[in-house]
Every structure is written in C-alpha cells, then in structure tokens.
Amino acid sequence: MKPFVALIAIAALPLSIAPVHASPELAAKSNCMVCHDMQKKKMGPAFNEISTKYKMGLGCGKADSEAMLTDSILKGSKDKWGKIPMPAQKIPPADAQTLAKWILGC
C-alpha cells in the first residue's frame, strides 16, 4: 500500500509546482487585491482602468504596453494615478509579466 501512495504523490508533484496562470487568484496571491479591484477604485485604480491607460491604443500583443506595465509592477510607480504611490512589488518577474498580460486582457 505504501508504494502505491508514494507513486500517487510522485505523479501529483508536477501539478503542485506548475506555474500559476494569470487570474484573480494570482493577483490575490501577489497581494494586488489589497489595493486594486477588477471594476472599482480602491486605494489604487481598478484593473479595467489600468488596462485602458496602458493599452494606449497599442492593443494586445504589443511589447510596449506589456513591458511598461510589467516595469511598473516590479519597480512601482509614482504620480501616475494620484498622490498614493505604488511600491515596487517583490514578485518574480515572470509573475509580473503574466499579471500585466492578464490586466491588459491579452
């Protein structure tokens, strides 16, 4: 019986270390939801407002909007949305890029 349980645990291992896909769950895990909401302003702007501002007519798949938003997530921003600055987020760059794509709706 023990070898069977060990086999199941080994088989499930890739599932537990798989990358998290961008979603409200990744945003919550990264603490984005503390200051942001999907549709309404909280301490920070709503994700739909961020998407509109960063797309700037470039649309999905354009490196500029995705790179600028990823950079803002990682380095923080000041004076883009009012008086409250966004501190730099201590998350993996890949997660920041995934979140940027999700926020942009790409």
PDB file of N, CA and C in Angstrom:
ATOM      1  N   MET A   1       0.812  -1.194   0.000  1.00  0.00           N
ATOM      2  CA  MET A   1       0.000   0.000   0.000  1.00  0.00           C
ATOM      3  C   MET A   1       0.859   1.263   0.000  1.00  0.00           C
ATOM      4  N   LYS A   2       1.964   1.253   0.783  1.00  0.00           N
ATOM      5  CA  LYS A   2       2.826   2.435   0.848  1.00  0.00           C
ATOM      6  C   LYS A   2       3.423   2.791  -0.510  1.00  0.00           C
ATOM      7  N   PRO A   3       3.898   1.800  -1.301  1.00  0.00           N
ATOM      8  CA  PRO A   3       4.434   2.166  -2.616  1.00  0.00           C
ATOM      9  C   PRO A   3       3.378   2.816  -3.508  1.00  0.00           C
ATOM     10  N   PHE A   4       2.136   2.383  -3.393  1.00  0.00           N
ATOM     11  CA  PHE A   4       1.061   2.959  -4.191  1.00  0.00           C
ATOM     12  C   PHE A   4       0.841   4.420  -3.822  1.00  0.00           C
ATOM     13  N   VAL A   5       0.834   4.739  -2.520  1.00  0.00           N
ATOM     14  CA  VAL A   5       0.653   6.116  -2.051  1.00  0.00           C
ATOM     15  C   VAL A   5       1.823   6.978  -2.521  1.00  0.00           C
ATOM     16  N   ALA A   6       3.044   6.444  -2.438  1.00  0.00           N
ATOM     17  CA  ALA A   6       4.218   7.179  -2.892  1.00  0.00           C
ATOM     18  C   ALA A   6       4.145   7.449  -4.386  1.00  0.00           C
ATOM     19  N   LEU A   7       3.659   6.498  -5.146  1.00  0.00           N
ATOM     20  CA  LEU A   7       3.532   6.660  -6.588  1.00  0.00           C
ATOM     21  C   LEU A   7       2.536   7.771  -6.915  1.00  0.00           C
ATOM     22  N   ILE A   8       1.435   7.815  -6.209  1.00  0.00           N
ATOM     23  CA  ILE A   8       0.440   8.875  -6.420  1.00  0.00           C
ATOM     24  C   ILE A   8       1.046  10.230  -6.073  1.00  0.00           C
ATOM     25  N   ALA A   9       1.784  10.316  -4.979  1.00  0.00           N
ATOM     26  CA  ALA A   9       2.407  11.580  -4.576  1.00  0.00           C
ATOM     27  C   ALA A   9       3.413  12.048  -5.617  1.00  0.00           C
ATOM     28  N   ILE A  10       4.187  11.123  -6.162  1.00  0.00           N
ATOM     29  CA  ILE A  10       5.173  11.485  -7.186  1.00  0.00           C
ATOM     30  C   ILE A  10       4.466  11.931  -8.466  1.00  0.00           C
ATOM     31  N   ALA A  11       3.395  11.269  -8.821  1.00  0.00           N
ATOM     32  CA  ALA A  11       2.655  11.626 -10.025  1.00  0.00           C
ATOM     33  C   ALA A  11       1.997  13.001  -9.890  1.00  0.00           C
ATOM     34  N   ALA A  12       1.606  13.370  -8.684  1.00  0.00           N
ATOM     35  CA  ALA A  12       0.944  14.652  -8.465  1.00  0.00           C
ATOM     36  C   ALA A  12       1.932  15.798  -8.314  1.00  0.00           C
ATOM     37  N   LEU A  13       3.209  15.520  -8.123  1.00  0.00           N
ATOM     38  CA  LEU A  13       4.212  16.547  -7.906  1.00  0.00           C
ATOM     39  C   LEU A  13       4.248  17.603  -9.006  1.00  0.00           C
ATOM     40  N   PRO A  14       4.244  17.239 -10.292  1.00  0.00           N
ATOM     41  CA  PRO A  14       4.266  18.288 -11.318  1.00  0.00           C
ATOM     42  C   PRO A  14       3.084  19.249 -11.223  1.00  0.00           C
ATOM     43  N   LEU A  15       1.950  18.771 -10.766  1.00  0.00           N
ATOM     44  CA  LEU A  15       0.794  19.634 -10.626  1.00  0.00           C
ATOM     45  C   LEU A  15       0.996  20.667  -9.533  1.00  0.00           C
ATOM     46  N   SER A  16       1.713  20.318  -8.486  1.00  0.00           N
ATOM     47  CA  SER A  16       1.892  21.237  -7.374  1.00  0.00           C
ATOM     48  C   SER A  16       2.958  22.284  -7.643  1.00  0.00           C
ATOM     49  N   ILE A  17       3.832  22.065  -8.631  1.00  0.00           N
ATOM     50  CA  ILE A  17       4.862  23.045  -8.923  1.00  0.00           C
ATOM     51  C   ILE A  17       4.648  23.707 -10.282  1.00  0.00           C
ATOM     52  N   ALA A  18       3.518  23.478 -10.884  1.00  0.00           N
ATOM     53  CA  ALA A  18       3.219  24.098 -12.172  1.00  0.00           C
ATOM     54  C   ALA A  18       3.082  25.601 -11.991  1.00  0.00           C
ATOM     55  N   PRO A  19       3.446  26.395 -12.998  1.00  0.00           N
ATOM     56  CA  PRO A  19       3.330  27.840 -12.872  1.00  0.00           C
ATOM     57  C   PRO A  19       1.872  28.263 -12.717  1.00  0.00           C
ATOM     58  N   VAL A  20       1.670  29.313 -11.968  1.00  0.00           N
ATOM     59  CA  VAL A  20       0.324  29.838 -11.761  1.00  0.00           C
ATOM     60  C   VAL A  20      -0.020  30.704 -12.964  1.00  0.00           C
ATOM     61  N   HIS A  21      -1.173  30.475 -13.556  1.00  0.00           N
ATOM     62  CA  HIS A  21      -1.603  31.278 -14.692  1.00  0.00           C
ATOM     63  C   HIS A  21      -2.269  32.544 -14.179  1.00  0.00           C
ATOM     64  N   ALA A  22      -2.173  33.608 -14.961  1.00  0.00           N
ATOM     65  CA  ALA A  22      -2.740  34.889 -14.551  1.00  0.00           C
ATOM     66  C   ALA A  22      -4.240  34.757 -14.376  1.00  0.00           C
ATOM     67  N   SER A  23      -4.692  35.268 -13.269  1.00  0.00           N
ATOM     68  CA  SER A  23      -6.092  35.177 -12.920  1.00  0.00           C
ATOM     69  C   SER A  23      -6.302  35.978 -11.650  1.00  0.00           C
ATOM     70  N   PRO A  24      -7.526  36.133 -11.220  1.00  0.00           N
ATOM     71  CA  PRO A  24      -7.736  36.784  -9.931  1.00  0.00           C
ATOM     72  C   PRO A  24      -6.994  36.073  -8.796  1.00  0.00           C
ATOM     73  N   GLU A  25      -6.806  34.760  -8.936  1.00  0.00           N
ATOM     74  CA  GLU A  25      -6.087  34.018  -7.895  1.00  0.00           C
ATOM     75  C   GLU A  25      -4.614  34.433  -7.827  1.00  0.00           C
ATOM     76  N   LEU A  26      -3.966  34.615  -8.982  1.00  0.00           N
ATOM     77  CA  LEU A  26      -2.577  35.070  -8.987  1.00  0.00           C
ATOM     78  C   LEU A  26      -2.486  36.499  -8.457  1.00  0.00           C
ATOM     79  N   ALA A  27      -3.443  37.328  -8.821  1.00  0.00           N
ATOM     80  CA  ALA A  27      -3.459  38.704  -8.315  1.00  0.00           C
ATOM     81  C   ALA A  27      -3.636  38.706  -6.798  1.00  0.00           C
ATOM     82  N   ALA A  28      -4.489  37.843  -6.292  1.00  0.00           N
ATOM     83  CA  ALA A  28      -4.688  37.755  -4.838  1.00  0.00           C
ATOM     84  C   ALA A  28      -3.435  37.210  -4.161  1.00  0.00           C
ATOM     85  N   LYS A  29      -2.837  36.174  -4.749  1.00  0.00           N
ATOM     86  CA  LYS A  29      -1.615  35.579  -4.195  1.00  0.00           C
ATOM     87  C   LYS A  29      -0.489  36.603  -4.148  1.00  0.00           C
ATOM     88  N   SER A  30      -0.460  37.501  -5.119  1.00  0.00           N
ATOM     89  CA  SER A  30       0.579  38.519  -5.203  1.00  0.00           C
ATOM     90  C   SER A  30       0.217  39.782  -4.430  1.00  0.00           C
ATOM     91  N   ASN A  31      -0.884  39.750  -3.709  1.00  0.00           N
ATOM     92  CA  ASN A  31      -1.380  40.860  -2.883  1.00  0.00           C
ATOM     93  C   ASN A  31      -1.857  42.063  -3.681  1.00  0.00           C
ATOM     94  N   CYS A  32      -2.129  41.902  -4.958  1.00  0.00           N
ATOM     95  CA  CYS A  32      -2.637  43.007  -5.779  1.00  0.00           C
ATOM     96  C   CYS A  32      -4.017  43.459  -5.297  1.00  0.00           C
ATOM     97  N   MET A  33      -4.819  42.481  -4.853  1.00  0.00           N
ATOM     98  CA  MET A  33      -6.204  42.774  -4.489  1.00  0.00           C
ATOM     99  C   MET A  33      -6.328  43.589  -3.195  1.00  0.00           C
ATOM    100  N   VAL A  34      -5.234  43.749  -2.491  1.00  0.00           N
ATOM    101  CA  VAL A  34      -5.270  44.595  -1.294  1.00  0.00           C
ATOM    102  C   VAL A  34      -5.581  46.032  -1.704  1.00  0.00           C
ATOM    103  N   CYS A  35      -5.008  46.482  -2.816  1.00  0.00           N
ATOM    104  CA  CYS A  35      -5.161  47.871  -3.251  1.00  0.00           C
ATOM    105  C   CYS A  35      -6.006  48.038  -4.511  1.00  0.00           C
ATOM    106  N   HIS A  36      -6.203  46.957  -5.276  1.00  0.00           N
ATOM    107  CA  HIS A  36      -6.907  47.045  -6.559  1.00  0.00           C
ATOM    108  C   HIS A  36      -8.132  46.151  -6.568  1.00  0.00           C
ATOM    109  N   ASP A  37      -9.078  46.494  -7.436  1.00  0.00           N
ATOM    110  CA  ASP A  37     -10.295  45.717  -7.653  1.00  0.00           C
ATOM    111  C   ASP A  37     -10.451  45.570  -9.164  1.00  0.00           C
ATOM    112  N   MET A  38     -11.287  44.679  -9.574  1.00  0.00           N
ATOM    113  CA  MET A  38     -11.493  44.473 -11.010  1.00  0.00           C
ATOM    114  C   MET A  38     -12.165  45.686 -11.665  1.00  0.00           C
ATOM    115  N   GLN A  39     -13.204  46.226 -11.028  1.00  0.00           N
ATOM    116  CA  GLN A  39     -14.022  47.249 -11.670  1.00  0.00           C
ATOM    117  C   GLN A  39     -14.057  48.599 -10.967  1.00  0.00           C
ATOM    118  N   LYS A  40     -13.700  48.655  -9.683  1.00  0.00           N
ATOM    119  CA  LYS A  40     -13.831  49.933  -8.970  1.00  0.00           C
ATOM    120  C   LYS A  40     -12.524  50.314  -8.272  1.00  0.00           C
ATOM    121  N   LYS A  41     -12.334  51.600  -8.136  1.00  0.00           N
ATOM    122  CA  LYS A  41     -11.138  52.116  -7.490  1.00  0.00           C
ATOM    123  C   LYS A  41     -11.162  51.781  -6.006  1.00  0.00           C
ATOM    124  N   LYS A  42     -10.038  51.326  -5.507  1.00  0.00           N
ATOM    125  CA  LYS A  42      -9.832  51.134  -4.076  1.00  0.00           C
ATOM    126  C   LYS A  42      -8.730  52.109  -3.694  1.00  0.00           C
ATOM    127  N   MET A  43      -7.696  51.661  -3.048  1.00  0.00           N
ATOM    128  CA  MET A  43      -6.540  52.518  -2.781  1.00  0.00           C
ATOM    129  C   MET A  43      -5.848  52.840  -4.110  1.00  0.00           C
ATOM    130  N   GLY A  44      -5.807  51.851  -4.992  1.00  0.00           N
ATOM    131  CA  GLY A  44      -5.246  52.032  -6.333  1.00  0.00           C
ATOM    132  C   GLY A  44      -6.353  51.936  -7.362  1.00  0.00           C
ATOM    133  N   PRO A  45      -6.029  52.197  -8.614  1.00  0.00           N
ATOM    134  CA  PRO A  45      -7.056  52.143  -9.670  1.00  0.00           C
ATOM    135  C   PRO A  45      -7.543  50.733  -9.929  1.00  0.00           C
ATOM    136  N   ALA A  46      -8.726  50.644 -10.522  1.00  0.00           N
ATOM    137  CA  ALA A  46      -9.290  49.347 -10.906  1.00  0.00           C
ATOM    138  C   ALA A  46      -8.479  48.774 -12.064  1.00  0.00           C
ATOM    139  N   PHE A  47      -8.439  47.449 -12.152  1.00  0.00           N
ATOM    140  CA  PHE A  47      -7.692  46.806 -13.226  1.00  0.00           C
ATOM    141  C   PHE A  47      -8.198  47.239 -14.603  1.00  0.00           C
ATOM    142  N   ASN A  48      -9.508  47.469 -14.757  1.00  0.00           N
ATOM    143  CA  ASN A  48     -10.015  47.898 -16.063  1.00  0.00           C
ATOM    144  C   ASN A  48      -9.500  49.289 -16.422  1.00  0.00           C
ATOM    145  N   GLU A  49      -9.298  50.174 -15.443  1.00  0.00           N
ATOM    146  CA  GLU A  49      -8.712  51.491 -15.701  1.00  0.00           C
ATOM    147  C   GLU A  49      -7.240  51.360 -16.106  1.00  0.00           C
ATOM    148  N   ILE A  50      -6.531  50.478 -15.420  1.00  0.00           N
ATOM    149  CA  ILE A  50      -5.115  50.267 -15.727  1.00  0.00           C
ATOM    150  C   ILE A  50      -4.985  49.740 -17.154  1.00  0.00           C
ATOM    151  N   SER A  51      -5.839  48.795 -17.511  1.00  0.00           N
ATOM    152  CA  SER A  51      -5.807  48.215 -18.851  1.00  0.00           C
ATOM    153  C   SER A  51      -6.002  49.297 -19.904  1.00  0.00           C
ATOM    154  N   THR A  52      -6.990  50.134 -19.704  1.00  0.00           N
ATOM    155  CA  THR A  52      -7.279  51.203 -20.663  1.00  0.00           C
ATOM    156  C   THR A  52      -6.090  52.150 -20.797  1.00  0.00           C
ATOM    157  N   LYS A  53      -5.519  52.550 -19.682  1.00  0.00           N
ATOM    158  CA  LYS A  53      -4.407  53.506 -19.707  1.00  0.00           C
ATOM    159  C   LYS A  53      -3.171  52.912 -20.382  1.00  0.00           C
ATOM    160  N   TYR A  54      -2.831  51.664 -20.061  1.00  0.00           N
ATOM    161  CA  TYR A  54      -1.605  51.079 -20.596  1.00  0.00           C
ATOM    162  C   TYR A  54      -1.720  50.614 -22.033  1.00  0.00           C
ATOM    163  N   LYS A  55      -2.908  50.281 -22.467  1.00  0.00           N
ATOM    164  CA  LYS A  55      -3.056  49.876 -23.867  1.00  0.00           C
ATOM    165  C   LYS A  55      -2.769  51.052 -24.784  1.00  0.00           C
ATOM    166  N   MET A  56      -3.191  52.231 -24.398  1.00  0.00           N
ATOM    167  CA  MET A  56      -2.927  53.456 -25.152  1.00  0.00           C
ATOM    168  C   MET A  56      -3.064  53.261 -26.653  1.00  0.00           C
ATOM    169  N   GLY A  57      -4.059  52.513 -27.052  1.00  0.00           N
ATOM    170  CA  GLY A  57      -4.283  52.294 -28.464  1.00  0.00           C
ATOM    171  C   GLY A  57      -3.346  51.275 -29.091  1.00  0.00           C
ATOM    172  N   LEU A  58      -2.438  50.701 -28.292  1.00  0.00           N
ATOM    173  CA  LEU A  58      -1.479  49.745 -28.845  1.00  0.00           C
ATOM    174  C   LEU A  58      -2.093  48.360 -29.018  1.00  0.00           C
ATOM    175  N   GLY A  59      -3.036  48.015 -28.145  1.00  0.00           N
ATOM    176  CA  GLY A  59      -3.676  46.714 -28.238  1.00  0.00           C
ATOM    177  C   GLY A  59      -2.842  45.591 -27.648  1.00  0.00           C
ATOM    178  N   CYS A  60      -3.416  44.431 -27.603  1.00  0.00           N
ATOM    179  CA  CYS A  60      -2.733  43.258 -27.059  1.00  0.00           C
ATOM    180  C   CYS A  60      -1.619  42.814 -27.987  1.00  0.00           C
ATOM    181  N   GLY A  61      -0.640  42.180 -27.385  1.00  0.00           N
ATOM    182  CA  GLY A  61       0.467  41.657 -28.170  1.00  0.00           C
ATOM    183  C   GLY A  61       1.538  42.689 -28.478  1.00  0.00           C
ATOM    184  N   LYS A  62       1.330  43.905 -28.049  1.00  0.00           N
ATOM    185  CA  LYS A  62       2.328  44.944 -28.268  1.00  0.00           C
ATOM    186  C   LYS A  62       3.260  44.984 -27.072  1.00  0.00           C
ATOM    187  N   ALA A  63       4.529  44.863 -27.332  1.00  0.00           N
ATOM    188  CA  ALA A  63       5.518  44.778 -26.259  1.00  0.00           C
ATOM    189  C   ALA A  63       5.540  46.031 -25.393  1.00  0.00           C
ATOM    190  N   ASP A  64       5.268  47.188 -25.979  1.00  0.00           N
ATOM    191  CA  ASP A  64       5.362  48.434 -25.216  1.00  0.00           C
ATOM    192  C   ASP A  64       4.419  48.465 -24.019  1.00  0.00           C
ATOM    193  N   SER A  65       3.149  48.194 -24.233  1.00  0.00           N
ATOM    194  CA  SER A  65       2.188  48.269 -23.136  1.00  0.00           C
ATOM    195  C   SER A  65       2.473  47.200 -22.086  1.00  0.00           C
ATOM    196  N   GLU A  66       2.776  46.010 -22.522  1.00  0.00           N
ATOM    197  CA  GLU A  66       3.071  44.913 -21.599  1.00  0.00           C
ATOM    198  C   GLU A  66       4.354  45.192 -20.812  1.00  0.00           C
ATOM    199  N   ALA A  67       5.386  45.672 -21.491  1.00  0.00           N
ATOM    200  CA  ALA A  67       6.664  45.963 -20.835  1.00  0.00           C
ATOM    201  C   ALA A  67       6.527  47.116 -19.845  1.00  0.00           C
ATOM    202  N   MET A  68       5.791  48.151 -20.218  1.00  0.00           N
ATOM    203  CA  MET A  68       5.620  49.294 -19.313  1.00  0.00           C
ATOM    204  C   MET A  68       4.859  48.890 -18.063  1.00  0.00           C
ATOM    205  N   LEU A  69       3.807  48.093 -18.222  1.00  0.00           N
ATOM    206  CA  LEU A  69       3.033  47.666 -17.062  1.00  0.00           C
ATOM    207  C   LEU A  69       3.833  46.706 -16.194  1.00  0.00           C
ATOM    208  N   THR A  70       4.558  45.793 -16.801  1.00  0.00           N
ATOM    209  CA  THR A  70       5.413  44.877 -16.044  1.00  0.00           C
ATOM    210  C   THR A  70       6.438  45.666 -15.244  1.00  0.00           C
ATOM    211  N   ASP A  71       7.028  46.665 -15.858  1.00  0.00           N
ATOM    212  CA  ASP A  71       8.014  47.510 -15.194  1.00  0.00           C
ATOM    213  C   ASP A  71       7.388  48.248 -14.004  1.00  0.00           C
ATOM    214  N   SER A  72       6.190  48.768 -14.183  1.00  0.00           N
ATOM    215  CA  SER A  72       5.506  49.462 -13.082  1.00  0.00           C
ATOM    216  C   SER A  72       5.198  48.520 -11.925  1.00  0.00           C
ATOM    217  N   ILE A  73       4.841  47.288 -12.243  1.00  0.00           N
ATOM    218  CA  ILE A  73       4.563  46.314 -11.187  1.00  0.00           C
ATOM    219  C   ILE A  73       5.838  46.027 -10.397  1.00  0.00           C
ATOM    220  N   LEU A  74       6.928  45.810 -11.108  1.00  0.00           N
ATOM    221  CA  LEU A  74       8.182  45.433 -10.449  1.00  0.00           C
ATOM    222  C   LEU A  74       8.878  46.597  -9.750  1.00  0.00           C
ATOM    223  N   LYS A  75       8.835  47.771 -10.348  1.00  0.00           N
ATOM    224  CA  LYS A  75       9.565  48.925  -9.802  1.00  0.00           C
ATOM    225  C   LYS A  75       8.679  49.904  -9.042  1.00  0.00           C
ATOM    226  N   GLY A  76       7.364  49.742  -9.161  1.00  0.00           N
ATOM    227  CA  GLY A  76       6.449  50.681  -8.534  1.00  0.00           C
ATOM    228  C   GLY A  76       6.235  51.880  -9.440  1.00  0.00           C
ATOM    229  N   SER A  77       5.363  52.755  -9.003  1.00  0.00           N
ATOM    230  CA  SER A  77       5.100  53.959  -9.788  1.00  0.00           C
ATOM    231  C   SER A  77       4.684  55.090  -8.857  1.00  0.00           C
ATOM    232  N   LYS A  78       4.852  56.282  -9.344  1.00  0.00           N
ATOM    233  CA  LYS A  78       4.515  57.473  -8.560  1.00  0.00           C
ATOM    234  C   LYS A  78       3.906  58.507  -9.495  1.00  0.00           C
ATOM    235  N   ASP A  79       2.858  59.143  -9.041  1.00  0.00           N
ATOM    236  CA  ASP A  79       2.193  60.230  -9.775  1.00  0.00           C
ATOM    237  C   ASP A  79       1.512  59.793 -11.075  1.00  0.00           C
ATOM    238  N   LYS A  80       1.245  58.520 -11.233  1.00  0.00           N
ATOM    239  CA  LYS A  80       0.517  58.058 -12.421  1.00  0.00           C
ATOM    240  C   LYS A  80      -0.984  58.033 -12.169  1.00  0.00           C
ATOM    241  N   TRP A  81      -1.366  57.811 -10.904  1.00  0.00           N
ATOM    242  CA  TRP A  81      -2.765  57.618 -10.565  1.00  0.00           C
ATOM    243  C   TRP A  81      -3.207  58.500  -9.410  1.00  0.00           C
ATOM    244  N   GLY A  82      -2.451  59.503  -9.090  1.00  0.00           N
ATOM    245  CA  GLY A  82      -2.798  60.353  -7.963  1.00  0.00           C
ATOM    246  C   GLY A  82      -1.665  60.404  -6.960  1.00  0.00           C
ATOM    247  N   LYS A  83      -2.007  60.769  -5.763  1.00  0.00           N
ATOM    248  CA  LYS A  83      -0.984  61.009  -4.738  1.00  0.00           C
ATOM    249  C   LYS A  83      -0.433  59.751  -4.084  1.00  0.00           C
ATOM    250  N   ILE A  84      -1.165  58.666  -4.136  1.00  0.00           N
ATOM    251  CA  ILE A  84      -0.709  57.435  -3.477  1.00  0.00           C
ATOM    252  C   ILE A  84       0.193  56.658  -4.435  1.00  0.00           C
ATOM    253  N   PRO A  85       1.480  56.512  -4.101  1.00  0.00           N
ATOM    254  CA  PRO A  85       2.371  55.756  -4.989  1.00  0.00           C
ATOM    255  C   PRO A  85       2.167  54.258  -4.827  1.00  0.00           C
ATOM    256  N   MET A  86       2.536  53.521  -5.862  1.00  0.00           N
ATOM    257  CA  MET A  86       2.521  52.067  -5.772  1.00  0.00           C
ATOM    258  C   MET A  86       3.953  51.626  -5.490  1.00  0.00           C
ATOM    259  N   PRO A  87       4.162  50.934  -4.393  1.00  0.00           N
ATOM    260  CA  PRO A  87       5.521  50.461  -4.110  1.00  0.00           C
ATOM    261  C   PRO A  87       5.923  49.336  -5.063  1.00  0.00           C
ATOM    262  N   ALA A  88       7.215  49.150  -5.206  1.00  0.00           N
ATOM    263  CA  ALA A  88       7.730  48.032  -6.006  1.00  0.00           C
ATOM    264  C   ALA A  88       7.226  46.729  -5.400  1.00  0.00           C
ATOM    265  N   GLN A  89       6.814  45.820  -6.262  1.00  0.00           N
ATOM    266  CA  GLN A  89       6.278  44.547  -5.803  1.00  0.00           C
ATOM    267  C   GLN A  89       7.367  43.487  -5.831  1.00  0.00           C
ATOM    268  N   LYS A  90       7.487  42.770  -4.768  1.00  0.00           N
ATOM    269  CA  LYS A  90       8.504  41.720  -4.651  1.00  0.00           C
ATOM    270  C   LYS A  90       7.919  40.390  -5.108  1.00  0.00           C
ATOM    271  N   ILE A  91       7.743  40.289  -6.421  1.00  0.00           N
ATOM    272  CA  ILE A  91       7.236  39.062  -7.028  1.00  0.00           C
ATOM    273  C   ILE A  91       8.186  38.675  -8.159  1.00  0.00           C
ATOM    274  N   PRO A  92       8.181  37.433  -8.570  1.00  0.00           N
ATOM    275  CA  PRO A  92       9.047  37.031  -9.683  1.00  0.00           C
ATOM    276  C   PRO A  92       8.694  37.816 -10.955  1.00  0.00           C
ATOM    277  N   PRO A  93       9.695  38.220 -11.731  1.00  0.00           N
ATOM    278  CA  PRO A  93       9.418  38.945 -12.976  1.00  0.00           C
ATOM    279  C   PRO A  93       8.449  38.208 -13.902  1.00  0.00           C
ATOM    280  N   ALA A  94       8.527  36.891 -13.939  1.00  0.00           N
ATOM    281  CA  ALA A  94       7.598  36.126 -14.788  1.00  0.00           C
ATOM    282  C   ALA A  94       6.160  36.305 -14.317  1.00  0.00           C
ATOM    283  N   ASP A  95       5.942  36.350 -12.999  1.00  0.00           N
ATOM    284  CA  ASP A  95       4.592  36.584 -12.478  1.00  0.00           C
ATOM    285  C   ASP A  95       4.128  37.999 -12.821  1.00  0.00           C
ATOM    286  N   ALA A  96       5.032  38.973 -12.729  1.00  0.00           N
ATOM    287  CA  ALA A  96       4.671  40.359 -13.074  1.00  0.00           C
ATOM    288  C   ALA A  96       4.262  40.451 -14.537  1.00  0.00           C
ATOM    289  N   GLN A  97       4.993  39.770 -15.414  1.00  0.00           N
ATOM    290  CA  GLN A  97       4.658  39.784 -16.834  1.00  0.00           C
ATOM    291  C   GLN A  97       3.324  39.079 -17.076  1.00  0.00           C
ATOM    292  N   THR A  98       3.100  37.983 -16.390  1.00  0.00           N
ATOM    293  CA  THR A  98       1.836  37.257 -16.525  1.00  0.00           C
ATOM    294  C   THR A  98       0.679  38.124 -16.046  1.00  0.00           C
ATOM    295  N   LEU A  99       0.874  38.815 -14.923  1.00  0.00           N
ATOM    296  CA  LEU A  99      -0.166  39.713 -14.420  1.00  0.00           C
ATOM    297  C   LEU A  99      -0.418  40.865 -15.389  1.00  0.00           C
ATOM    298  N   ALA A 100       0.644  41.411 -15.976  1.00  0.00           N
ATOM    299  CA  ALA A 100       0.483  42.504 -16.939  1.00  0.00           C
ATOM    300  C   ALA A 100      -0.363  42.046 -18.128  1.00  0.00           C
ATOM    301  N   LYS A 101      -0.075  40.864 -18.651  1.00  0.00           N
ATOM    302  CA  LYS A 101      -0.860  40.341 -19.775  1.00  0.00           C
ATOM    303  C   LYS A 101      -2.321  40.167 -19.371  1.00  0.00           C
ATOM    304  N   TRP A 102      -2.543  39.668 -18.166  1.00  0.00           N
ATOM    305  CA  TRP A 102      -3.909  39.446 -17.677  1.00  0.00           C
ATOM    306  C   TRP A 102      -4.637  40.774 -17.512  1.00  0.00           C
ATOM    307  N   ILE A 103      -3.975  41.758 -16.909  1.00  0.00           N
ATOM    308  CA  ILE A 103      -4.599  43.070 -16.708  1.00  0.00           C
ATOM    309  C   ILE A 103      -4.945  43.707 -18.056  1.00  0.00           C
ATOM    310  N   LEU A 104      -4.057  43.549 -19.018  1.00  0.00           N
ATOM    311  CA  LEU A 104      -4.303  44.107 -20.353  1.00  0.00           C
ATOM    312  C   LEU A 104      -5.363  43.327 -21.127  1.00  0.00           C
ATOM    313  N   GLY A 105      -5.708  42.158 -20.615  1.00  0.00           N
ATOM    314  CA  GLY A 105      -6.714  41.345 -21.290  1.00  0.00           C
ATOM    315  C   GLY A 105      -6.166  40.592 -22.483  1.00  0.00           C
ATOM    316  N   CYS A 106      -4.891  40.343 -22.479  1.00  0.00           N
ATOM    317  CA  CYS A 106      -4.231  39.674 -23.617  1.00  0.00           C
ATOM    318  C   CYS A 106      -4.154  38.173 -23.378  1.00  0.00           C
TER     319      CYS A 106
END
